[in-house]
Amino acid sequence: MTDTREIPDVLRLPLPSLNGQTEAQVRGHTCVWCGTHLGLADPAAVDLGERRHRRLDGRYSTFPRGCRPCVYDAALGHLHTHALGCAGCREGEEKGGHCDKVRALARLMKEYAR
């Protein structure tokens, strides 16, 4: 069964540039990070949410998906990047906690742990 839940906007994971991605990656048929095939009923598929893009003649949408291991790795990288630049995390660390985004990313990682 495919994981049809979409990752909440607050946790939008940074994706690789569209430049160099295959049509299958842009359409969500393969993982945007590693290119692993993701079938329609693939339990390893994670919906990364609609992404809107602008081009000269208007807008278009992509519907990326990732495999569970790559989503975990992306969440870990995003967590580290966020925590280093977040004043709330730095202040919270002194008090034994982090901001809501870090806690949500940690939950996401736990859900997609290998």
C-alpha atoms as a PDB file:
ATOM      1  CA  MET A   1       0.000   0.000   0.000  1.00  0.00           C
ATOM      2  CA  THR A   2       1.390   3.388  -0.948  1.00  0.00           C
ATOM      3  CA  ASP A   3       1.945   5.951   1.758  1.00  0.00           C
ATOM      4  CA  THR A   4      -0.602   8.462   0.498  1.00  0.00           C
ATOM      5  CA  ARG A   5      -0.179  10.899   3.332  1.00  0.00           C
ATOM      6  CA  GLU A   6       1.499  14.044   2.189  1.00  0.00           C
ATOM      7  CA  ILE A   7       4.275  15.549   4.240  1.00  0.00           C
ATOM      8  CA  PRO A   8       2.908  18.762   5.840  1.00  0.00           C
ATOM      9  CA  ASP A   9       3.977  22.081   4.289  1.00  0.00           C
ATOM     10  CA  VAL A  10       5.908  23.032   7.414  1.00  0.00           C
ATOM     11  CA  LEU A  11       8.170  20.045   6.765  1.00  0.00           C
ATOM     12  CA  ARG A  12       8.690  20.644   3.045  1.00  0.00           C
ATOM     13  CA  LEU A  13      11.921  18.831   2.410  1.00  0.00           C
ATOM     14  CA  PRO A  14      14.298  20.523   0.006  1.00  0.00           C
ATOM     15  CA  LEU A  15      14.396  18.607  -3.265  1.00  0.00           C
ATOM     16  CA  PRO A  16      17.117  18.243  -5.853  1.00  0.00           C
ATOM     17  CA  SER A  17      17.013  20.754  -8.684  1.00  0.00           C
ATOM     18  CA  LEU A  18      14.680  19.916 -11.541  1.00  0.00           C
ATOM     19  CA  ASN A  19      17.668  20.308 -13.829  1.00  0.00           C
ATOM     20  CA  GLY A  20      19.031  16.845 -14.422  1.00  0.00           C
ATOM     21  CA  GLN A  21      15.969  14.993 -13.132  1.00  0.00           C
ATOM     22  CA  THR A  22      14.335  12.473 -15.393  1.00  0.00           C
ATOM     23  CA  GLU A  23      10.717  12.732 -16.471  1.00  0.00           C
ATOM     24  CA  ALA A  24       9.982   9.750 -14.209  1.00  0.00           C
ATOM     25  CA  GLN A  25      11.393  11.610 -11.196  1.00  0.00           C
ATOM     26  CA  VAL A  26       9.428  14.771 -11.962  1.00  0.00           C
ATOM     27  CA  ARG A  27       6.207  12.768 -12.321  1.00  0.00           C
ATOM     28  CA  GLY A  28       6.752  10.764  -9.121  1.00  0.00           C
ATOM     29  CA  HIS A  29       7.317   7.409 -10.797  1.00  0.00           C
ATOM     30  CA  THR A  30      10.809   7.186  -9.303  1.00  0.00           C
ATOM     31  CA  CYS A  31      12.477   8.611  -6.198  1.00  0.00           C
ATOM     32  CA  VAL A  32      13.622  12.220  -6.719  1.00  0.00           C
ATOM     33  CA  TRP A  33      16.891  11.478  -4.946  1.00  0.00           C
ATOM     34  CA  CYS A  34      18.030   8.011  -5.997  1.00  0.00           C
ATOM     35  CA  GLY A  35      15.846   7.173  -9.002  1.00  0.00           C
ATOM     36  CA  THR A  36      14.443   3.947  -7.515  1.00  0.00           C
ATOM     37  CA  HIS A  37      11.234   2.911  -9.275  1.00  0.00           C
ATOM     38  CA  LEU A  38       8.139   3.561  -7.138  1.00  0.00           C
ATOM     39  CA  GLY A  39       5.062   1.657  -8.220  1.00  0.00           C
ATOM     40  CA  LEU A  40       1.515   2.830  -7.633  1.00  0.00           C
ATOM     41  CA  ALA A  41       1.033   0.496  -4.669  1.00  0.00           C
ATOM     42  CA  ASP A  42       4.629   0.660  -3.449  1.00  0.00           C
ATOM     43  CA  PRO A  43       4.889   0.800   0.366  1.00  0.00           C
ATOM     44  CA  ALA A  44       8.269   2.514  -0.004  1.00  0.00           C
ATOM     45  CA  ALA A  45       6.756   5.515  -1.835  1.00  0.00           C
ATOM     46  CA  VAL A  46       6.285   8.765   0.088  1.00  0.00           C
ATOM     47  CA  ASP A  47       4.279  11.618  -1.437  1.00  0.00           C
ATOM     48  CA  LEU A  48       6.338  14.801  -1.073  1.00  0.00           C
ATOM     49  CA  GLY A  49       3.491  17.123  -1.967  1.00  0.00           C
ATOM     50  CA  GLU A  50       2.686  19.160  -5.041  1.00  0.00           C
ATOM     51  CA  ARG A  51       5.421  21.585  -5.990  1.00  0.00           C
ATOM     52  CA  ARG A  52       4.548  24.612  -8.090  1.00  0.00           C
ATOM     53  CA  HIS A  53       7.100  26.044 -10.485  1.00  0.00           C
ATOM     54  CA  ARG A  54       7.205  29.154 -12.590  1.00  0.00           C
ATOM     55  CA  ARG A  55       8.419  29.448 -16.141  1.00  0.00           C
ATOM     56  CA  LEU A  56       8.240  32.152 -18.736  1.00  0.00           C
ATOM     57  CA  ASP A  57       4.847  31.155 -20.112  1.00  0.00           C
ATOM     58  CA  GLY A  58       3.157  30.416 -16.797  1.00  0.00           C
ATOM     59  CA  ARG A  59       3.216  27.879 -14.004  1.00  0.00           C
ATOM     60  CA  TYR A  60       3.303  24.120 -13.779  1.00  0.00           C
ATOM     61  CA  SER A  61       3.206  21.546 -11.006  1.00  0.00           C
ATOM     62  CA  THR A  62       5.264  18.498 -10.227  1.00  0.00           C
ATOM     63  CA  PHE A  63       4.272  15.703  -7.868  1.00  0.00           C
ATOM     64  CA  PRO A  64       7.525  14.291  -6.503  1.00  0.00           C
ATOM     65  CA  ARG A  65       7.801  11.148  -4.444  1.00  0.00           C
ATOM     66  CA  GLY A  66      10.687   9.630  -2.600  1.00  0.00           C
ATOM     67  CA  CYS A  67      11.609   6.242  -1.226  1.00  0.00           C
ATOM     68  CA  ARG A  68      11.493   5.862   2.543  1.00  0.00           C
ATOM     69  CA  PRO A  69      15.306   5.676   3.028  1.00  0.00           C
ATOM     70  CA  CYS A  70      15.874   8.832   0.974  1.00  0.00           C
ATOM     71  CA  VAL A  71      13.071  10.686   2.800  1.00  0.00           C
ATOM     72  CA  TYR A  72      14.740   9.746   6.077  1.00  0.00           C
ATOM     73  CA  ASP A  73      18.131  11.007   4.840  1.00  0.00           C
ATOM     74  CA  ALA A  74      16.603  14.231   3.504  1.00  0.00           C
ATOM     75  CA  ALA A  75      14.786  14.843   6.798  1.00  0.00           C
ATOM     76  CA  LEU A  76      18.011  14.289   8.739  1.00  0.00           C
ATOM     77  CA  GLY A  77      19.904  16.732   6.530  1.00  0.00           C
ATOM     78  CA  HIS A  78      17.093  19.286   6.764  1.00  0.00           C
ATOM     79  CA  LEU A  79      16.976  18.887  10.542  1.00  0.00           C
ATOM     80  CA  HIS A  80      20.699  19.622  10.874  1.00  0.00           C
ATOM     81  CA  THR A  81      20.567  22.589   8.501  1.00  0.00           C
ATOM     82  CA  HIS A  82      17.506  24.018  10.227  1.00  0.00           C
ATOM     83  CA  ALA A  83      18.785  23.555  13.781  1.00  0.00           C
ATOM     84  CA  LEU A  84      22.061  25.327  13.006  1.00  0.00           C
ATOM     85  CA  GLY A  85      20.293  28.441  11.754  1.00  0.00           C
ATOM     86  CA  CYS A  86      17.268  28.543  14.043  1.00  0.00           C
ATOM     87  CA  ALA A  87      17.419  30.943  16.985  1.00  0.00           C
ATOM     88  CA  GLY A  88      14.558  29.054  18.656  1.00  0.00           C
ATOM     89  CA  CYS A  89      16.531  25.812  18.482  1.00  0.00           C
ATOM     90  CA  ARG A  90      19.669  27.433  19.880  1.00  0.00           C
ATOM     91  CA  GLU A  91      17.701  29.007  22.717  1.00  0.00           C
ATOM     92  CA  GLY A  92      15.706  25.825  23.283  1.00  0.00           C
ATOM     93  CA  GLU A  93      18.849  23.701  23.375  1.00  0.00           C
ATOM     94  CA  GLU A  94      19.952  25.617  26.458  1.00  0.00           C
ATOM     95  CA  LYS A  95      16.606  24.752  28.043  1.00  0.00           C
ATOM     96  CA  GLY A  96      16.649  21.127  26.891  1.00  0.00           C
ATOM     97  CA  GLY A  97      14.377  21.402  23.845  1.00  0.00           C
ATOM     98  CA  HIS A  98      14.069  22.463  20.235  1.00  0.00           C
ATOM     99  CA  CYS A  99      11.507  24.254  18.118  1.00  0.00           C
ATOM    100  CA  ASP A 100       8.344  22.624  16.774  1.00  0.00           C
ATOM    101  CA  LYS A 101       9.861  22.121  13.317  1.00  0.00           C
ATOM    102  CA  VAL A 102      12.755  20.050  14.695  1.00  0.00           C
ATOM    103  CA  ARG A 103      10.396  17.957  16.784  1.00  0.00           C
ATOM    104  CA  ALA A 104       8.218  17.376  13.697  1.00  0.00           C
ATOM    105  CA  LEU A 105      11.256  16.458  11.582  1.00  0.00           C
ATOM    106  CA  ALA A 106      12.375  14.024  14.289  1.00  0.00           C
ATOM    107  CA  ARG A 107       8.906  12.399  14.228  1.00  0.00           C
ATOM    108  CA  LEU A 108       9.097  12.196  10.437  1.00  0.00           C
ATOM    109  CA  MET A 109      12.503  10.511  10.641  1.00  0.00           C
ATOM    110  CA  LYS A 110      11.198   8.047  13.209  1.00  0.00           C
ATOM    111  CA  GLU A 111       8.284   7.188  10.906  1.00  0.00           C
ATOM    112  CA  TYR A 112      10.565   6.544   7.930  1.00  0.00           C
ATOM    113  CA  ALA A 113      13.482   4.975   9.798  1.00  0.00           C
ATOM    114  CA  ARG A 114      15.141   2.156   7.934  1.00  0.00           C
END
